[in-house]
Amino acid sequence: MATKIICDGCNEPIETGEEVHVVGFFRKREYCDKCFPAAVQYLESRDALHDVVADKWRKGLKRINKNGLEQLEELPDHDRS
């Protein structure tokens, strides 16, 4: 029985000898040479968005903690360290 690898980007067969690019952390996908750059670009864009949101979260949480500690000695689910 033969094994056929289909690109998860274009649904075309990945030919014998062509590199199969495995991309992903949790749900890995296989891409051909043509689709690989788009898969990498997707992950890079997602990571960049995560960095922006995480930074906004950290700054917002710092502000909220400061305000909370002005009213209370200890905050629920908060460690001063």
PDB file of N, CA and C in Angstrom:
ATOM      1  N   MET A   1       0.850  -1.172   0.000  1.00  0.00           N
ATOM      2  CA  MET A   1       0.000   0.000   0.000  1.00  0.00           C
ATOM      3  C   MET A   1       0.899   1.239   0.000  1.00  0.00           C
ATOM      4  N   ALA A   2       0.637   2.170  -0.873  1.00  0.00           N
ATOM      5  CA  ALA A   2       1.417   3.392  -0.990  1.00  0.00           C
ATOM      6  C   ALA A   2       0.907   4.447  -0.021  1.00  0.00           C
ATOM      7  N   THR A   3       1.808   5.321   0.366  1.00  0.00           N
ATOM      8  CA  THR A   3       1.439   6.452   1.215  1.00  0.00           C
ATOM      9  C   THR A   3       1.469   7.699   0.358  1.00  0.00           C
ATOM     10  N   LYS A   4       0.414   8.499   0.461  1.00  0.00           N
ATOM     11  CA  LYS A   4       0.312   9.735  -0.294  1.00  0.00           C
ATOM     12  C   LYS A   4       0.169  10.876   0.705  1.00  0.00           C
ATOM     13  N   ILE A   5       1.043  11.867   0.613  1.00  0.00           N
ATOM     14  CA  ILE A   5       0.966  13.015   1.508  1.00  0.00           C
ATOM     15  C   ILE A   5       0.327  14.161   0.742  1.00  0.00           C
ATOM     16  N   ILE A   6      -0.726  14.694   1.321  1.00  0.00           N
ATOM     17  CA  ILE A   6      -1.467  15.808   0.720  1.00  0.00           C
ATOM     18  C   ILE A   6      -1.140  17.077   1.505  1.00  0.00           C
ATOM     19  N   CYS A   7      -0.832  18.159   0.805  1.00  0.00           N
ATOM     20  CA  CYS A   7      -0.538  19.440   1.432  1.00  0.00           C
ATOM     21  C   CYS A   7      -1.795  19.961   2.116  1.00  0.00           C
ATOM     22  N   ASP A   8      -1.639  20.382   3.369  1.00  0.00           N
ATOM     23  CA  ASP A   8      -2.768  20.943   4.102  1.00  0.00           C
ATOM     24  C   ASP A   8      -3.092  22.367   3.664  1.00  0.00           C
ATOM     25  N   GLY A   9      -2.267  22.955   2.817  1.00  0.00           N
ATOM     26  CA  GLY A   9      -2.525  24.310   2.322  1.00  0.00           C
ATOM     27  C   GLY A   9      -3.302  24.333   1.021  1.00  0.00           C
ATOM     28  N   CYS A  10      -2.919  23.496   0.078  1.00  0.00           N
ATOM     29  CA  CYS A  10      -3.538  23.529  -1.252  1.00  0.00           C
ATOM     30  C   CYS A  10      -4.243  22.227  -1.621  1.00  0.00           C
ATOM     31  N   ASN A  11      -4.156  21.237  -0.754  1.00  0.00           N
ATOM     32  CA  ASN A  11      -4.765  19.928  -0.992  1.00  0.00           C
ATOM     33  C   ASN A  11      -4.212  19.196  -2.208  1.00  0.00           C
ATOM     34  N   GLU A  12      -3.010  19.558  -2.632  1.00  0.00           N
ATOM     35  CA  GLU A  12      -2.343  18.874  -3.731  1.00  0.00           C
ATOM     36  C   GLU A  12      -1.361  17.853  -3.152  1.00  0.00           C
ATOM     37  N   PRO A  13      -1.105  16.772  -3.885  1.00  0.00           N
ATOM     38  CA  PRO A  13      -0.125  15.792  -3.396  1.00  0.00           C
ATOM     39  C   PRO A  13       1.273  16.404  -3.330  1.00  0.00           C
ATOM     40  N   ILE A  14       2.013  16.049  -2.292  1.00  0.00           N
ATOM     41  CA  ILE A  14       3.414  16.450  -2.183  1.00  0.00           C
ATOM     42  C   ILE A  14       4.218  15.327  -2.825  1.00  0.00           C
ATOM     43  N   GLU A  15       4.909  15.671  -3.891  1.00  0.00           N
ATOM     44  CA  GLU A  15       5.614  14.681  -4.700  1.00  0.00           C
ATOM     45  C   GLU A  15       6.773  14.053  -3.940  1.00  0.00           C
ATOM     46  N   THR A  16       7.085  12.825  -4.263  1.00  0.00           N
ATOM     47  CA  THR A  16       8.229  12.127  -3.695  1.00  0.00           C
ATOM     48  C   THR A  16       9.481  12.941  -3.965  1.00  0.00           C
ATOM     49  N   GLY A  17      10.269  13.145  -2.931  1.00  0.00           N
ATOM     50  CA  GLY A  17      11.495  13.922  -3.064  1.00  0.00           C
ATOM     51  C   GLY A  17      11.304  15.384  -2.682  1.00  0.00           C
ATOM     52  N   GLU A  18      10.070  15.868  -2.729  1.00  0.00           N
ATOM     53  CA  GLU A  18       9.798  17.238  -2.317  1.00  0.00           C
ATOM     54  C   GLU A  18       9.752  17.287  -0.790  1.00  0.00           C
ATOM     55  N   GLU A  19      10.310  18.343  -0.219  1.00  0.00           N
ATOM     56  CA  GLU A  19      10.327  18.452   1.240  1.00  0.00           C
ATOM     57  C   GLU A  19       8.917  18.681   1.778  1.00  0.00           C
ATOM     58  N   VAL A  20       8.604  17.989   2.851  1.00  0.00           N
ATOM     59  CA  VAL A  20       7.340  18.183   3.562  1.00  0.00           C
ATOM     60  C   VAL A  20       7.651  19.062   4.767  1.00  0.00           C
ATOM     61  N   HIS A  21       7.006  20.227   4.830  1.00  0.00           N
ATOM     62  CA  HIS A  21       7.235  21.181   5.917  1.00  0.00           C
ATOM     63  C   HIS A  21       6.152  20.988   6.962  1.00  0.00           C
ATOM     64  N   VAL A  22       6.543  20.563   8.150  1.00  0.00           N
ATOM     65  CA  VAL A  22       5.599  20.369   9.244  1.00  0.00           C
ATOM     66  C   VAL A  22       5.586  21.647  10.068  1.00  0.00           C
ATOM     67  N   VAL A  23       4.401  22.241  10.191  1.00  0.00           N
ATOM     68  CA  VAL A  23       4.255  23.530  10.856  1.00  0.00           C
ATOM     69  C   VAL A  23       3.155  23.429  11.904  1.00  0.00           C
ATOM     70  N   GLY A  24       3.418  24.031  13.061  1.00  0.00           N
ATOM     71  CA  GLY A  24       2.420  24.083  14.119  1.00  0.00           C
ATOM     72  C   GLY A  24       3.004  23.610  15.432  1.00  0.00           C
ATOM     73  N   PHE A  25       2.354  24.000  16.498  1.00  0.00           N
ATOM     74  CA  PHE A  25       2.800  23.613  17.830  1.00  0.00           C
ATOM     75  C   PHE A  25       1.843  22.603  18.435  1.00  0.00           C
ATOM     76  N   PHE A  26       0.571  22.902  18.381  1.00  0.00           N
ATOM     77  CA  PHE A  26      -0.438  22.030  18.960  1.00  0.00           C
ATOM     78  C   PHE A  26      -1.011  21.085  17.909  1.00  0.00           C
ATOM     79  N   ARG A  27      -1.457  21.634  16.813  1.00  0.00           N
ATOM     80  CA  ARG A  27      -2.011  20.832  15.720  1.00  0.00           C
ATOM     81  C   ARG A  27      -1.095  21.009  14.519  1.00  0.00           C
ATOM     82  N   LYS A  28      -0.215  20.069  14.338  1.00  0.00           N
ATOM     83  CA  LYS A  28       0.775  20.153  13.267  1.00  0.00           C
ATOM     84  C   LYS A  28       0.126  19.847  11.911  1.00  0.00           C
ATOM     85  N   ARG A  29       0.540  20.617  10.921  1.00  0.00           N
ATOM     86  CA  ARG A  29       0.057  20.445   9.555  1.00  0.00           C
ATOM     87  C   ARG A  29       1.262  20.268   8.632  1.00  0.00           C
ATOM     88  N   GLU A  30       1.016  19.664   7.477  1.00  0.00           N
ATOM     89  CA  GLU A  30       2.079  19.417   6.506  1.00  0.00           C
ATOM     90  C   GLU A  30       1.829  20.268   5.265  1.00  0.00           C
ATOM     91  N   TYR A  31       2.884  20.981   4.830  1.00  0.00           N
ATOM     92  CA  TYR A  31       2.764  21.889   3.694  1.00  0.00           C
ATOM     93  C   TYR A  31       3.828  21.615   2.645  1.00  0.00           C
ATOM     94  N   CYS A  32       3.481  21.902   1.409  1.00  0.00           N
ATOM     95  CA  CYS A  32       4.432  21.803   0.300  1.00  0.00           C
ATOM     96  C   CYS A  32       5.302  23.063   0.283  1.00  0.00           C
ATOM     97  N   ASP A  33       6.305  23.060  -0.596  1.00  0.00           N
ATOM     98  CA  ASP A  33       7.202  24.216  -0.710  1.00  0.00           C
ATOM     99  C   ASP A  33       6.438  25.492  -1.036  1.00  0.00           C
ATOM    100  N   LYS A  34       5.414  25.389  -1.860  1.00  0.00           N
ATOM    101  CA  LYS A  34       4.650  26.563  -2.295  1.00  0.00           C
ATOM    102  C   LYS A  34       3.851  27.168  -1.137  1.00  0.00           C
ATOM    103  N   CYS A  35       3.261  26.344  -0.286  1.00  0.00           N
ATOM    104  CA  CYS A  35       2.389  26.817   0.791  1.00  0.00           C
ATOM    105  C   CYS A  35       3.131  27.132   2.094  1.00  0.00           C
ATOM    106  N   PHE A  36       4.333  26.601   2.232  1.00  0.00           N
ATOM    107  CA  PHE A  36       5.090  26.768   3.467  1.00  0.00           C
ATOM    108  C   PHE A  36       5.264  28.231   3.884  1.00  0.00           C
ATOM    109  N   PRO A  37       5.649  29.156   2.982  1.00  0.00           N
ATOM    110  CA  PRO A  37       5.822  30.555   3.409  1.00  0.00           C
ATOM    111  C   PRO A  37       4.536  31.165   3.989  1.00  0.00           C
ATOM    112  N   ALA A  38       3.397  30.840   3.431  1.00  0.00           N
ATOM    113  CA  ALA A  38       2.132  31.385   3.945  1.00  0.00           C
ATOM    114  C   ALA A  38       1.826  30.838   5.337  1.00  0.00           C
ATOM    115  N   ALA A  39       2.167  29.580   5.577  1.00  0.00           N
ATOM    116  CA  ALA A  39       1.947  28.986   6.900  1.00  0.00           C
ATOM    117  C   ALA A  39       2.842  29.662   7.937  1.00  0.00           C
ATOM    118  N   VAL A  40       4.090  29.927   7.579  1.00  0.00           N
ATOM    119  CA  VAL A  40       5.013  30.609   8.480  1.00  0.00           C
ATOM    120  C   VAL A  40       4.541  32.037   8.732  1.00  0.00           C
ATOM    121  N   GLN A  41       4.096  32.715   7.687  1.00  0.00           N
ATOM    122  CA  GLN A  41       3.603  34.090   7.828  1.00  0.00           C
ATOM    123  C   GLN A  41       2.388  34.134   8.751  1.00  0.00           C
ATOM    124  N   TYR A  42       1.510  33.160   8.640  1.00  0.00           N
ATOM    125  CA  TYR A  42       0.340  33.085   9.517  1.00  0.00           C
ATOM    126  C   TYR A  42       0.781  32.990  10.976  1.00  0.00           C
ATOM    127  N   LEU A  43       1.717  32.074  11.276  1.00  0.00           N
ATOM    128  CA  LEU A  43       2.176  31.920  12.657  1.00  0.00           C
ATOM    129  C   LEU A  43       2.875  33.181  13.161  1.00  0.00           C
ATOM    130  N   GLU A  44       3.668  33.820  12.316  1.00  0.00           N
ATOM    131  CA  GLU A  44       4.354  35.047  12.719  1.00  0.00           C
ATOM    132  C   GLU A  44       3.349  36.158  13.021  1.00  0.00           C
ATOM    133  N   SER A  45       2.307  36.275  12.198  1.00  0.00           N
ATOM    134  CA  SER A  45       1.268  37.290  12.430  1.00  0.00           C
ATOM    135  C   SER A  45       0.519  37.007  13.714  1.00  0.00           C
ATOM    136  N   ARG A  46       0.216  35.748  13.956  1.00  0.00           N
ATOM    137  CA  ARG A  46      -0.497  35.373  15.178  1.00  0.00           C
ATOM    138  C   ARG A  46       0.360  35.655  16.403  1.00  0.00           C
ATOM    139  N   ASP A  47       1.657  35.346  16.325  1.00  0.00           N
ATOM    140  CA  ASP A  47       2.563  35.612  17.442  1.00  0.00           C
ATOM    141  C   ASP A  47       2.688  37.117  17.714  1.00  0.00           C
ATOM    142  N   ALA A  48       2.739  37.909  16.654  1.00  0.00           N
ATOM    143  CA  ALA A  48       2.829  39.362  16.817  1.00  0.00           C
ATOM    144  C   ALA A  48       1.574  39.909  17.503  1.00  0.00           C
ATOM    145  N   LEU A  49       0.418  39.424  17.115  1.00  0.00           N
ATOM    146  CA  LEU A  49      -0.827  39.837  17.759  1.00  0.00           C
ATOM    147  C   LEU A  49      -0.821  39.434  19.231  1.00  0.00           C
ATOM    148  N   HIS A  50      -0.365  38.227  19.504  1.00  0.00           N
ATOM    149  CA  HIS A  50      -0.285  37.762  20.891  1.00  0.00           C
ATOM    150  C   HIS A  50       0.601  38.684  21.721  1.00  0.00           C
ATOM    151  N   ASP A  51       1.734  39.104  21.170  1.00  0.00           N
ATOM    152  CA  ASP A  51       2.637  40.002  21.892  1.00  0.00           C
ATOM    153  C   ASP A  51       1.951  41.320  22.231  1.00  0.00           C
ATOM    154  N   VAL A  52       1.196  41.873  21.281  1.00  0.00           N
ATOM    155  CA  VAL A  52       0.484  43.138  21.508  1.00  0.00           C
ATOM    156  C   VAL A  52      -0.567  42.974  22.601  1.00  0.00           C
ATOM    157  N   VAL A  53      -1.352  41.922  22.506  1.00  0.00           N
ATOM    158  CA  VAL A  53      -2.420  41.689  23.482  1.00  0.00           C
ATOM    159  C   VAL A  53      -1.834  41.393  24.861  1.00  0.00           C
ATOM    160  N   ALA A  54      -0.770  40.594  24.907  1.00  0.00           N
ATOM    161  CA  ALA A  54      -0.145  40.261  26.189  1.00  0.00           C
ATOM    162  C   ALA A  54       0.431  41.508  26.855  1.00  0.00           C
ATOM    163  N   ASP A  55       1.046  42.383  26.079  1.00  0.00           N
ATOM    164  CA  ASP A  55       1.597  43.617  26.624  1.00  0.00           C
ATOM    165  C   ASP A  55       0.473  44.496  27.177  1.00  0.00           C
ATOM    166  N   LYS A  56      -0.608  44.613  26.439  1.00  0.00           N
ATOM    167  CA  LYS A  56      -1.758  45.406  26.906  1.00  0.00           C
ATOM    168  C   LYS A  56      -2.326  44.795  28.190  1.00  0.00           C
ATOM    169  N   TRP A  57      -2.408  43.470  28.256  1.00  0.00           N
ATOM    170  CA  TRP A  57      -2.895  42.774  29.449  1.00  0.00           C
ATOM    171  C   TRP A  57      -1.994  43.077  30.652  1.00  0.00           C
ATOM    172  N   ARG A  58      -0.675  42.956  30.482  1.00  0.00           N
ATOM    173  CA  ARG A  58       0.249  43.200  31.592  1.00  0.00           C
ATOM    174  C   ARG A  58       0.119  44.630  32.111  1.00  0.00           C
ATOM    175  N   LYS A  59       0.076  45.588  31.197  1.00  0.00           N
ATOM    176  CA  LYS A  59      -0.038  46.995  31.610  1.00  0.00           C
ATOM    177  C   LYS A  59      -1.378  47.251  32.297  1.00  0.00           C
ATOM    178  N   GLY A  60      -2.446  46.710  31.736  1.00  0.00           N
ATOM    179  CA  GLY A  60      -3.768  46.891  32.344  1.00  0.00           C
ATOM    180  C   GLY A  60      -3.861  46.237  33.705  1.00  0.00           C
ATOM    181  N   LEU A  61      -3.306  45.044  33.845  1.00  0.00           N
ATOM    182  CA  LEU A  61      -3.344  44.337  35.118  1.00  0.00           C
ATOM    183  C   LEU A  61      -2.534  45.077  36.176  1.00  0.00           C
ATOM    184  N   LYS A  62      -1.407  45.645  35.779  1.00  0.00           N
ATOM    185  CA  LYS A  62      -0.588  46.418  36.714  1.00  0.00           C
ATOM    186  C   LYS A  62      -1.382  47.611  37.251  1.00  0.00           C
ATOM    187  N   ARG A  63      -2.094  48.295  36.360  1.00  0.00           N
ATOM    188  CA  ARG A  63      -2.907  49.439  36.756  1.00  0.00           C
ATOM    189  C   ARG A  63      -4.050  49.012  37.683  1.00  0.00           C
ATOM    190  N   ILE A  64      -4.716  47.923  37.334  1.00  0.00           N
ATOM    191  CA  ILE A  64      -5.830  47.419  38.138  1.00  0.00           C
ATOM    192  C   ILE A  64      -5.328  46.971  39.516  1.00  0.00           C
ATOM    193  N   ASN A  65      -4.199  46.286  39.555  1.00  0.00           N
ATOM    194  CA  ASN A  65      -3.629  45.861  40.845  1.00  0.00           C
ATOM    195  C   ASN A  65      -3.275  47.066  41.704  1.00  0.00           C
ATOM    196  N   LYS A  66      -2.671  48.064  41.102  1.00  0.00           N
ATOM    197  CA  LYS A  66      -2.306  49.278  41.853  1.00  0.00           C
ATOM    198  C   LYS A  66      -3.554  49.916  42.444  1.00  0.00           C
ATOM    199  N   ASN A  67      -4.598  50.065  41.634  1.00  0.00           N
ATOM    200  CA  ASN A  67      -5.850  50.651  42.124  1.00  0.00           C
ATOM    201  C   ASN A  67      -6.459  49.793  43.229  1.00  0.00           C
ATOM    202  N   GLY A  68      -6.430  48.499  43.050  1.00  0.00           N
ATOM    203  CA  GLY A  68      -6.988  47.589  44.058  1.00  0.00           C
ATOM    204  C   GLY A  68      -6.238  47.660  45.371  1.00  0.00           C
ATOM    205  N   LEU A  69      -4.912  47.765  45.295  1.00  0.00           N
ATOM    206  CA  LEU A  69      -4.094  47.817  46.511  1.00  0.00           C
ATOM    207  C   LEU A  69      -4.197  49.157  47.225  1.00  0.00           C
ATOM    208  N   GLU A  70      -4.747  50.143  46.563  1.00  0.00           N
ATOM    209  CA  GLU A  70      -5.026  51.416  47.239  1.00  0.00           C
ATOM    210  C   GLU A  70      -6.256  51.288  48.140  1.00  0.00           C
ATOM    211  N   GLN A  71      -7.097  50.292  47.835  1.00  0.00           N
ATOM    212  CA  GLN A  71      -8.321  50.092  48.609  1.00  0.00           C
ATOM    213  C   GLN A  71      -8.225  48.915  49.572  1.00  0.00           C
ATOM    214  N   LEU A  72      -7.430  47.930  49.249  1.00  0.00           N
ATOM    215  CA  LEU A  72      -7.334  46.702  50.032  1.00  0.00           C
ATOM    216  C   LEU A  72      -5.873  46.363  50.305  1.00  0.00           C
ATOM    217  N   GLU A  73      -5.634  45.766  51.450  1.00  0.00           N
ATOM    218  CA  GLU A  73      -4.277  45.322  51.782  1.00  0.00           C
ATOM    219  C   GLU A  73      -3.855  44.129  50.931  1.00  0.00           C
ATOM    220  N   GLU A  74      -4.773  43.206  50.704  1.00  0.00           N
ATOM    221  CA  GLU A  74      -4.512  42.018  49.899  1.00  0.00           C
ATOM    222  C   GLU A  74      -5.625  41.864  48.856  1.00  0.00           C
ATOM    223  N   LEU A  75      -5.257  41.447  47.675  1.00  0.00           N
ATOM    224  CA  LEU A  75      -6.239  41.224  46.601  1.00  0.00           C
ATOM    225  C   LEU A  75      -6.449  39.738  46.399  1.00  0.00           C
ATOM    226  N   PRO A  76      -7.674  39.341  46.055  1.00  0.00           N
ATOM    227  CA  PRO A  76      -7.907  37.931  45.757  1.00  0.00           C
ATOM    228  C   PRO A  76      -7.116  37.506  44.508  1.00  0.00           C
ATOM    229  N   ASP A  77      -6.574  36.323  44.555  1.00  0.00           N
ATOM    230  CA  ASP A  77      -5.821  35.753  43.426  1.00  0.00           C
ATOM    231  C   ASP A  77      -4.653  36.632  42.991  1.00  0.00           C
ATOM    232  N   HIS A  78      -4.024  37.317  43.941  1.00  0.00           N
ATOM    233  CA  HIS A  78      -2.907  38.203  43.625  1.00  0.00           C
ATOM    234  C   HIS A  78      -1.753  37.935  44.590  1.00  0.00           C
ATOM    235  N   ASP A  79      -0.570  37.824  44.066  1.00  0.00           N
ATOM    236  CA  ASP A  79       0.631  37.628  44.863  1.00  0.00           C
ATOM    237  C   ASP A  79       1.533  38.838  44.618  1.00  0.00           C
ATOM    238  N   ARG A  80       1.944  39.466  45.658  1.00  0.00           N
ATOM    239  CA  ARG A  80       2.766  40.696  45.522  1.00  0.00           C
ATOM    240  C   ARG A  80       4.161  40.421  44.975  1.00  0.00           C
ATOM    241  N   SER A  81       4.601  39.193  44.931  1.00  0.00           N
ATOM    242  CA  SER A  81       5.976  38.928  44.496  1.00  0.00           C
ATOM    243  C   SER A  81       6.139  39.052  43.013  1.00  0.00           C
TER     244      SER A  81
END
